[in-house]
Amino acid sequence: MCIRDRGNAVHPDIAALYLRHRVVLLAVARSVLRDTPQRDHVEDVVMEVMTSLGERPPTGPVLNWEAFLVRATRNLSLIHI
């Protein structure tokens, strides 16, 4: 799920990652934000995670994208509480 540019740098394919993991990421954000005033911002949190991934991709290899994205979604959801 990564794309290499001409300089041989690796960038994640954000669209493919989003489509593959969106159900899980939405569930994670929903579970964290469930009983808070921010419960309606679940989709915003997931999109913010994906946007930040495009702007600041990981510097090293990611062995498990789902685990990486779940952790990022959980952490960002907690910040929004």
PDB file of N, CA and C in Angstrom:
ATOM      1  N   MET A   1       0.808  -1.182   0.000  1.00  0.00           N
ATOM      2  CA  MET A   1       0.000   0.000   0.000  1.00  0.00           C
ATOM      3  C   MET A   1       0.859   1.255   0.000  1.00  0.00           C
ATOM      4  N   CYS A   2       1.994   1.169  -0.640  1.00  0.00           N
ATOM      5  CA  CYS A   2       2.883   2.320  -0.692  1.00  0.00           C
ATOM      6  C   CYS A   2       3.239   2.620  -2.132  1.00  0.00           C
ATOM      7  N   ILE A   3       3.578   3.853  -2.363  1.00  0.00           N
ATOM      8  CA  ILE A   3       3.976   4.317  -3.680  1.00  0.00           C
ATOM      9  C   ILE A   3       5.387   4.871  -3.563  1.00  0.00           C
ATOM     10  N   ARG A   4       6.257   4.507  -4.506  1.00  0.00           N
ATOM     11  CA  ARG A   4       7.621   5.035  -4.514  1.00  0.00           C
ATOM     12  C   ARG A   4       7.692   6.184  -5.506  1.00  0.00           C
ATOM     13  N   ASP A   5       8.364   7.263  -5.110  1.00  0.00           N
ATOM     14  CA  ASP A   5       8.553   8.363  -6.048  1.00  0.00           C
ATOM     15  C   ASP A   5       9.913   8.209  -6.725  1.00  0.00           C
ATOM     16  N   ARG A   6      10.269   9.145  -7.561  1.00  0.00           N
ATOM     17  CA  ARG A   6      11.520   9.048  -8.328  1.00  0.00           C
ATOM     18  C   ARG A   6      12.752   9.045  -7.445  1.00  0.00           C
ATOM     19  N   GLY A   7      12.654   9.663  -6.280  1.00  0.00           N
ATOM     20  CA  GLY A   7      13.782   9.688  -5.359  1.00  0.00           C
ATOM     21  C   GLY A   7      13.852   8.434  -4.503  1.00  0.00           C
ATOM     22  N   ASN A   8      13.004   7.450  -4.808  1.00  0.00           N
ATOM     23  CA  ASN A   8      12.950   6.168  -4.115  1.00  0.00           C
ATOM     24  C   ASN A   8      12.359   6.290  -2.712  1.00  0.00           C
ATOM     25  N   ALA A   9      11.725   7.430  -2.409  1.00  0.00           N
ATOM     26  CA  ALA A   9      11.041   7.579  -1.119  1.00  0.00           C
ATOM     27  C   ALA A   9       9.715   6.817  -1.185  1.00  0.00           C
ATOM     28  N   VAL A  10       9.279   6.321  -0.045  1.00  0.00           N
ATOM     29  CA  VAL A  10       8.041   5.554   0.016  1.00  0.00           C
ATOM     30  C   VAL A  10       6.953   6.410   0.661  1.00  0.00           C
ATOM     31  N   HIS A  11       5.813   6.501  -0.017  1.00  0.00           N
ATOM     32  CA  HIS A  11       4.668   7.242   0.496  1.00  0.00           C
ATOM     33  C   HIS A  11       3.465   6.301   0.528  1.00  0.00           C
ATOM     34  N   PRO A  12       2.703   6.301   1.616  1.00  0.00           N
ATOM     35  CA  PRO A  12       1.548   5.408   1.693  1.00  0.00           C
ATOM     36  C   PRO A  12       0.466   5.821   0.702  1.00  0.00           C
ATOM     37  N   ASP A  13      -0.243   4.842   0.165  1.00  0.00           N
ATOM     38  CA  ASP A  13      -1.391   5.084  -0.710  1.00  0.00           C
ATOM     39  C   ASP A  13      -2.587   5.355   0.204  1.00  0.00           C
ATOM     40  N   ILE A  14      -2.832   6.631   0.476  1.00  0.00           N
ATOM     41  CA  ILE A  14      -3.830   7.047   1.454  1.00  0.00           C
ATOM     42  C   ILE A  14      -5.223   6.541   1.093  1.00  0.00           C
ATOM     43  N   ALA A  15      -5.600   6.659  -0.164  1.00  0.00           N
ATOM     44  CA  ALA A  15      -6.942   6.236  -0.584  1.00  0.00           C
ATOM     45  C   ALA A  15      -7.140   4.738  -0.353  1.00  0.00           C
ATOM     46  N   ALA A  16      -6.156   3.945  -0.713  1.00  0.00           N
ATOM     47  CA  ALA A  16      -6.265   2.496  -0.533  1.00  0.00           C
ATOM     48  C   ALA A  16      -6.323   2.135   0.951  1.00  0.00           C
ATOM     49  N   LEU A  17      -5.507   2.801   1.759  1.00  0.00           N
ATOM     50  CA  LEU A  17      -5.528   2.541   3.203  1.00  0.00           C
ATOM     51  C   LEU A  17      -6.876   2.925   3.803  1.00  0.00           C
ATOM     52  N   TYR A  18      -7.409   4.064   3.388  1.00  0.00           N
ATOM     53  CA  TYR A  18      -8.707   4.506   3.896  1.00  0.00           C
ATOM     54  C   TYR A  18      -9.800   3.507   3.527  1.00  0.00           C
ATOM     55  N   LEU A  19      -9.849   3.120   2.274  1.00  0.00           N
ATOM     56  CA  LEU A  19     -10.894   2.193   1.840  1.00  0.00           C
ATOM     57  C   LEU A  19     -10.792   0.840   2.539  1.00  0.00           C
ATOM     58  N   ARG A  20      -9.589   0.398   2.764  1.00  0.00           N
ATOM     59  CA  ARG A  20      -9.389  -0.918   3.381  1.00  0.00           C
ATOM     60  C   ARG A  20      -9.704  -0.919   4.879  1.00  0.00           C
ATOM     61  N   HIS A  21      -9.421   0.184   5.581  1.00  0.00           N
ATOM     62  CA  HIS A  21      -9.512   0.186   7.040  1.00  0.00           C
ATOM     63  C   HIS A  21     -10.578   1.115   7.611  1.00  0.00           C
ATOM     64  N   ARG A  22     -11.367   1.770   6.786  1.00  0.00           N
ATOM     65  CA  ARG A  22     -12.296   2.790   7.285  1.00  0.00           C
ATOM     66  C   ARG A  22     -13.310   2.259   8.278  1.00  0.00           C
ATOM     67  N   VAL A  23     -13.835   1.064   8.080  1.00  0.00           N
ATOM     68  CA  VAL A  23     -14.844   0.526   8.997  1.00  0.00           C
ATOM     69  C   VAL A  23     -14.268   0.367  10.401  1.00  0.00           C
ATOM     70  N   VAL A  24     -13.073  -0.175  10.484  1.00  0.00           N
ATOM     71  CA  VAL A  24     -12.423  -0.363  11.785  1.00  0.00           C
ATOM     72  C   VAL A  24     -12.085   0.986  12.421  1.00  0.00           C
ATOM     73  N   LEU A  25     -11.567   1.917  11.628  1.00  0.00           N
ATOM     74  CA  LEU A  25     -11.186   3.221  12.165  1.00  0.00           C
ATOM     75  C   LEU A  25     -12.400   3.997  12.660  1.00  0.00           C
ATOM     76  N   LEU A  26     -13.492   3.936  11.929  1.00  0.00           N
ATOM     77  CA  LEU A  26     -14.718   4.600  12.372  1.00  0.00           C
ATOM     78  C   LEU A  26     -15.229   3.977  13.671  1.00  0.00           C
ATOM     79  N   ALA A  27     -15.128   2.664  13.786  1.00  0.00           N
ATOM     80  CA  ALA A  27     -15.564   1.980  15.014  1.00  0.00           C
ATOM     81  C   ALA A  27     -14.704   2.387  16.207  1.00  0.00           C
ATOM     82  N   VAL A  28     -13.411   2.515  15.983  1.00  0.00           N
ATOM     83  CA  VAL A  28     -12.504   2.925  17.062  1.00  0.00           C
ATOM     84  C   VAL A  28     -12.842   4.339  17.524  1.00  0.00           C
ATOM     85  N   ALA A  29     -12.958   5.259  16.592  1.00  0.00           N
ATOM     86  CA  ALA A  29     -13.282   6.647  16.950  1.00  0.00           C
ATOM     87  C   ALA A  29     -14.650   6.720  17.623  1.00  0.00           C
ATOM     88  N   ARG A  30     -15.609   5.968  17.114  1.00  0.00           N
ATOM     89  CA  ARG A  30     -16.952   5.957  17.696  1.00  0.00           C
ATOM     90  C   ARG A  30     -16.924   5.439  19.131  1.00  0.00           C
ATOM     91  N   SER A  31     -16.135   4.414  19.390  1.00  0.00           N
ATOM     92  CA  SER A  31     -16.093   3.844  20.742  1.00  0.00           C
ATOM     93  C   SER A  31     -15.454   4.813  21.742  1.00  0.00           C
ATOM     94  N   VAL A  32     -14.455   5.565  21.297  1.00  0.00           N
ATOM     95  CA  VAL A  32     -13.796   6.523  22.192  1.00  0.00           C
ATOM     96  C   VAL A  32     -14.685   7.743  22.432  1.00  0.00           C
ATOM     97  N   LEU A  33     -15.339   8.209  21.386  1.00  0.00           N
ATOM     98  CA  LEU A  33     -16.118   9.448  21.475  1.00  0.00           C
ATOM     99  C   LEU A  33     -17.596   9.219  21.832  1.00  0.00           C
ATOM    100  N   ARG A  34     -17.976   7.994  22.080  1.00  0.00           N
ATOM    101  CA  ARG A  34     -19.373   7.599  22.256  1.00  0.00           C
ATOM    102  C   ARG A  34     -20.163   8.480  23.216  1.00  0.00           C
ATOM    103  N   ASP A  35     -19.707   8.672  24.407  1.00  0.00           N
ATOM    104  CA  ASP A  35     -20.461   9.409  25.425  1.00  0.00           C
ATOM    105  C   ASP A  35     -19.929  10.822  25.648  1.00  0.00           C
ATOM    106  N   THR A  36     -19.402  11.427  24.614  1.00  0.00           N
ATOM    107  CA  THR A  36     -18.841  12.775  24.742  1.00  0.00           C
ATOM    108  C   THR A  36     -19.591  13.723  23.797  1.00  0.00           C
ATOM    109  N   PRO A  37     -19.442  15.012  24.016  1.00  0.00           N
ATOM    110  CA  PRO A  37     -20.060  15.969  23.094  1.00  0.00           C
ATOM    111  C   PRO A  37     -19.494  15.861  21.662  1.00  0.00           C
ATOM    112  N   GLN A  38     -18.335  15.259  21.510  1.00  0.00           N
ATOM    113  CA  GLN A  38     -17.705  15.131  20.193  1.00  0.00           C
ATOM    114  C   GLN A  38     -18.145  13.875  19.437  1.00  0.00           C
ATOM    115  N   ARG A  39     -19.139  13.158  19.929  1.00  0.00           N
ATOM    116  CA  ARG A  39     -19.554  11.890  19.307  1.00  0.00           C
ATOM    117  C   ARG A  39     -19.961  12.051  17.844  1.00  0.00           C
ATOM    118  N   ASP A  40     -20.334  13.257  17.441  1.00  0.00           N
ATOM    119  CA  ASP A  40     -20.723  13.492  16.048  1.00  0.00           C
ATOM    120  C   ASP A  40     -19.526  13.785  15.146  1.00  0.00           C
ATOM    121  N   HIS A  41     -18.334  13.766  15.686  1.00  0.00           N
ATOM    122  CA  HIS A  41     -17.131  14.104  14.927  1.00  0.00           C
ATOM    123  C   HIS A  41     -16.284  12.879  14.569  1.00  0.00           C
ATOM    124  N   VAL A  42     -16.898  11.712  14.585  1.00  0.00           N
ATOM    125  CA  VAL A  42     -16.180  10.457  14.315  1.00  0.00           C
ATOM    126  C   VAL A  42     -15.526  10.496  12.933  1.00  0.00           C
ATOM    127  N   GLU A  43     -16.282  10.846  11.924  1.00  0.00           N
ATOM    128  CA  GLU A  43     -15.735  10.875  10.561  1.00  0.00           C
ATOM    129  C   GLU A  43     -14.638  11.937  10.427  1.00  0.00           C
ATOM    130  N   ASP A  44     -14.807  13.054  11.125  1.00  0.00           N
ATOM    131  CA  ASP A  44     -13.784  14.103  11.083  1.00  0.00           C
ATOM    132  C   ASP A  44     -12.460  13.612  11.652  1.00  0.00           C
ATOM    133  N   VAL A  45     -12.526  12.846  12.733  1.00  0.00           N
ATOM    134  CA  VAL A  45     -11.304  12.320  13.356  1.00  0.00           C
ATOM    135  C   VAL A  45     -10.582  11.391  12.387  1.00  0.00           C
ATOM    136  N   VAL A  46     -11.329  10.486  11.758  1.00  0.00           N
ATOM    137  CA  VAL A  46     -10.705   9.538  10.826  1.00  0.00           C
ATOM    138  C   VAL A  46     -10.100  10.285   9.641  1.00  0.00           C
ATOM    139  N   MET A  47     -10.795  11.273   9.119  1.00  0.00           N
ATOM    140  CA  MET A  47     -10.247  12.032   7.993  1.00  0.00           C
ATOM    141  C   MET A  47      -9.012  12.822   8.417  1.00  0.00           C
ATOM    142  N   GLU A  48      -9.006  13.306   9.645  1.00  0.00           N
ATOM    143  CA  GLU A  48      -7.825  14.030  10.140  1.00  0.00           C
ATOM    144  C   GLU A  48      -6.623  13.088  10.242  1.00  0.00           C
ATOM    145  N   VAL A  49      -6.859  11.865  10.671  1.00  0.00           N
ATOM    146  CA  VAL A  49      -5.777  10.872  10.727  1.00  0.00           C
ATOM    147  C   VAL A  49      -5.223  10.618   9.334  1.00  0.00           C
ATOM    148  N   MET A  50      -6.107  10.426   8.368  1.00  0.00           N
ATOM    149  CA  MET A  50      -5.664  10.129   7.010  1.00  0.00           C
ATOM    150  C   MET A  50      -4.948  11.331   6.387  1.00  0.00           C
ATOM    151  N   THR A  51      -5.438  12.533   6.651  1.00  0.00           N
ATOM    152  CA  THR A  51      -4.799  13.744   6.140  1.00  0.00           C
ATOM    153  C   THR A  51      -3.399  13.906   6.718  1.00  0.00           C
ATOM    154  N   SER A  52      -3.285  13.692   8.024  1.00  0.00           N
ATOM    155  CA  SER A  52      -1.968  13.837   8.647  1.00  0.00           C
ATOM    156  C   SER A  52      -0.995  12.774   8.147  1.00  0.00           C
ATOM    157  N   LEU A  53      -1.508  11.600   7.805  1.00  0.00           N
ATOM    158  CA  LEU A  53      -0.655  10.554   7.249  1.00  0.00           C
ATOM    159  C   LEU A  53      -0.087  10.996   5.899  1.00  0.00           C
ATOM    160  N   GLY A  54      -0.899  11.678   5.113  1.00  0.00           N
ATOM    161  CA  GLY A  54      -0.417  12.183   3.823  1.00  0.00           C
ATOM    162  C   GLY A  54       0.579  13.313   3.982  1.00  0.00           C
ATOM    163  N   GLU A  55       0.344  14.155   4.987  1.00  0.00           N
ATOM    164  CA  GLU A  55       1.228  15.301   5.204  1.00  0.00           C
ATOM    165  C   GLU A  55       2.532  14.922   5.894  1.00  0.00           C
ATOM    166  N   ARG A  56       2.444  13.964   6.809  1.00  0.00           N
ATOM    167  CA  ARG A  56       3.622  13.526   7.565  1.00  0.00           C
ATOM    168  C   ARG A  56       3.669  11.999   7.597  1.00  0.00           C
ATOM    169  N   PRO A  57       4.105  11.371   6.503  1.00  0.00           N
ATOM    170  CA  PRO A  57       4.159   9.908   6.473  1.00  0.00           C
ATOM    171  C   PRO A  57       5.184   9.373   7.470  1.00  0.00           C
ATOM    172  N   PRO A  58       5.022   8.133   7.894  1.00  0.00           N
ATOM    173  CA  PRO A  58       5.988   7.539   8.829  1.00  0.00           C
ATOM    174  C   PRO A  58       7.392   7.543   8.232  1.00  0.00           C
ATOM    175  N   THR A  59       8.370   7.717   9.094  1.00  0.00           N
ATOM    176  CA  THR A  59       9.748   7.769   8.617  1.00  0.00           C
ATOM    177  C   THR A  59      10.350   6.378   8.424  1.00  0.00           C
ATOM    178  N   GLY A  60       9.778   5.381   9.065  1.00  0.00           N
ATOM    179  CA  GLY A  60      10.274   4.018   8.927  1.00  0.00           C
ATOM    180  C   GLY A  60       9.208   3.119   8.341  1.00  0.00           C
ATOM    181  N   PRO A  61       9.538   1.860   8.147  1.00  0.00           N
ATOM    182  CA  PRO A  61       8.562   0.925   7.585  1.00  0.00           C
ATOM    183  C   PRO A  61       7.422   0.657   8.564  1.00  0.00           C
ATOM    184  N   VAL A  62       6.238   0.468   8.026  1.00  0.00           N
ATOM    185  CA  VAL A  62       5.075   0.109   8.834  1.00  0.00           C
ATOM    186  C   VAL A  62       4.743  -1.339   8.502  1.00  0.00           C
ATOM    187  N   LEU A  63       4.854  -2.208   9.487  1.00  0.00           N
ATOM    188  CA  LEU A  63       4.614  -3.631   9.262  1.00  0.00           C
ATOM    189  C   LEU A  63       3.133  -3.985   9.308  1.00  0.00           C
ATOM    190  N   ASN A  64       2.355  -3.212  10.061  1.00  0.00           N
ATOM    191  CA  ASN A  64       0.927  -3.494  10.198  1.00  0.00           C
ATOM    192  C   ASN A  64       0.161  -2.170  10.113  1.00  0.00           C
ATOM    193  N   TRP A  65      -0.351  -1.870   8.921  1.00  0.00           N
ATOM    194  CA  TRP A  65      -1.033  -0.597   8.714  1.00  0.00           C
ATOM    195  C   TRP A  65      -2.292  -0.474   9.558  1.00  0.00           C
ATOM    196  N   GLU A  66      -3.023  -1.556   9.705  1.00  0.00           N
ATOM    197  CA  GLU A  66      -4.245  -1.464  10.503  1.00  0.00           C
ATOM    198  C   GLU A  66      -3.928  -1.086  11.947  1.00  0.00           C
ATOM    199  N   ALA A  67      -2.939  -1.722  12.537  1.00  0.00           N
ATOM    200  CA  ALA A  67      -2.549  -1.401  13.915  1.00  0.00           C
ATOM    201  C   ALA A  67      -2.056   0.045  14.011  1.00  0.00           C
ATOM    202  N   PHE A  68      -1.272   0.473  13.046  1.00  0.00           N
ATOM    203  CA  PHE A  68      -0.763   1.848  13.022  1.00  0.00           C
ATOM    204  C   PHE A  68      -1.911   2.847  12.983  1.00  0.00           C
ATOM    205  N   LEU A  69      -2.877   2.621  12.082  1.00  0.00           N
ATOM    206  CA  LEU A  69      -4.001   3.541  11.920  1.00  0.00           C
ATOM    207  C   LEU A  69      -4.956   3.497  13.104  1.00  0.00           C
ATOM    208  N   VAL A  70      -5.167   2.322  13.688  1.00  0.00           N
ATOM    209  CA  VAL A  70      -6.028   2.209  14.870  1.00  0.00           C
ATOM    210  C   VAL A  70      -5.419   3.006  16.015  1.00  0.00           C
ATOM    211  N   ARG A  71      -4.127   2.854  16.229  1.00  0.00           N
ATOM    212  CA  ARG A  71      -3.466   3.602  17.309  1.00  0.00           C
ATOM    213  C   ARG A  71      -3.566   5.106  17.071  1.00  0.00           C
ATOM    214  N   ALA A  72      -3.324   5.546  15.837  1.00  0.00           N
ATOM    215  CA  ALA A  72      -3.406   6.969  15.516  1.00  0.00           C
ATOM    216  C   ALA A  72      -4.830   7.492  15.714  1.00  0.00           C
ATOM    217  N   THR A  73      -5.816   6.705  15.315  1.00  0.00           N
ATOM    218  CA  THR A  73      -7.218   7.109  15.466  1.00  0.00           C
ATOM    219  C   THR A  73      -7.605   7.175  16.932  1.00  0.00           C
ATOM    220  N   ARG A  74      -7.192   6.204  17.705  1.00  0.00           N
ATOM    221  CA  ARG A  74      -7.495   6.206  19.132  1.00  0.00           C
ATOM    222  C   ARG A  74      -6.851   7.422  19.815  1.00  0.00           C
ATOM    223  N   ASN A  75      -5.585   7.655  19.516  1.00  0.00           N
ATOM    224  CA  ASN A  75      -4.884   8.786  20.130  1.00  0.00           C
ATOM    225  C   ASN A  75      -5.525  10.117  19.764  1.00  0.00           C
ATOM    226  N   LEU A  76      -5.865  10.297  18.504  1.00  0.00           N
ATOM    227  CA  LEU A  76      -6.484  11.555  18.086  1.00  0.00           C
ATOM    228  C   LEU A  76      -7.881  11.701  18.691  1.00  0.00           C
ATOM    229  N   SER A  77      -8.607  10.608  18.799  1.00  0.00           N
ATOM    230  CA  SER A  77      -9.935  10.644  19.429  1.00  0.00           C
ATOM    231  C   SER A  77      -9.826  11.080  20.881  1.00  0.00           C
ATOM    232  N   LEU A  78      -8.831  10.579  21.583  1.00  0.00           N
ATOM    233  CA  LEU A  78      -8.635  10.961  22.978  1.00  0.00           C
ATOM    234  C   LEU A  78      -8.295  12.440  23.116  1.00  0.00           C
ATOM    235  N   ILE A  79      -7.576  12.977  22.156  1.00  0.00           N
ATOM    236  CA  ILE A  79      -7.253  14.400  22.173  1.00  0.00           C
ATOM    237  C   ILE A  79      -8.522  15.241  22.017  1.00  0.00           C
ATOM    238  N   HIS A  80      -9.489  14.727  21.267  1.00  0.00           N
ATOM    239  CA  HIS A  80     -10.725  15.462  20.996  1.00  0.00           C
ATOM    240  C   HIS A  80     -11.723  15.430  22.161  1.00  0.00           C
ATOM    241  N   ILE A  81     -11.455  14.630  23.165  1.00  0.00           N
ATOM    242  CA  ILE A  81     -12.397  14.550  24.292  1.00  0.00           C
ATOM    243  C   ILE A  81     -12.318  15.816  25.117  1.00  0.00           C
TER     244      ILE A  81
END
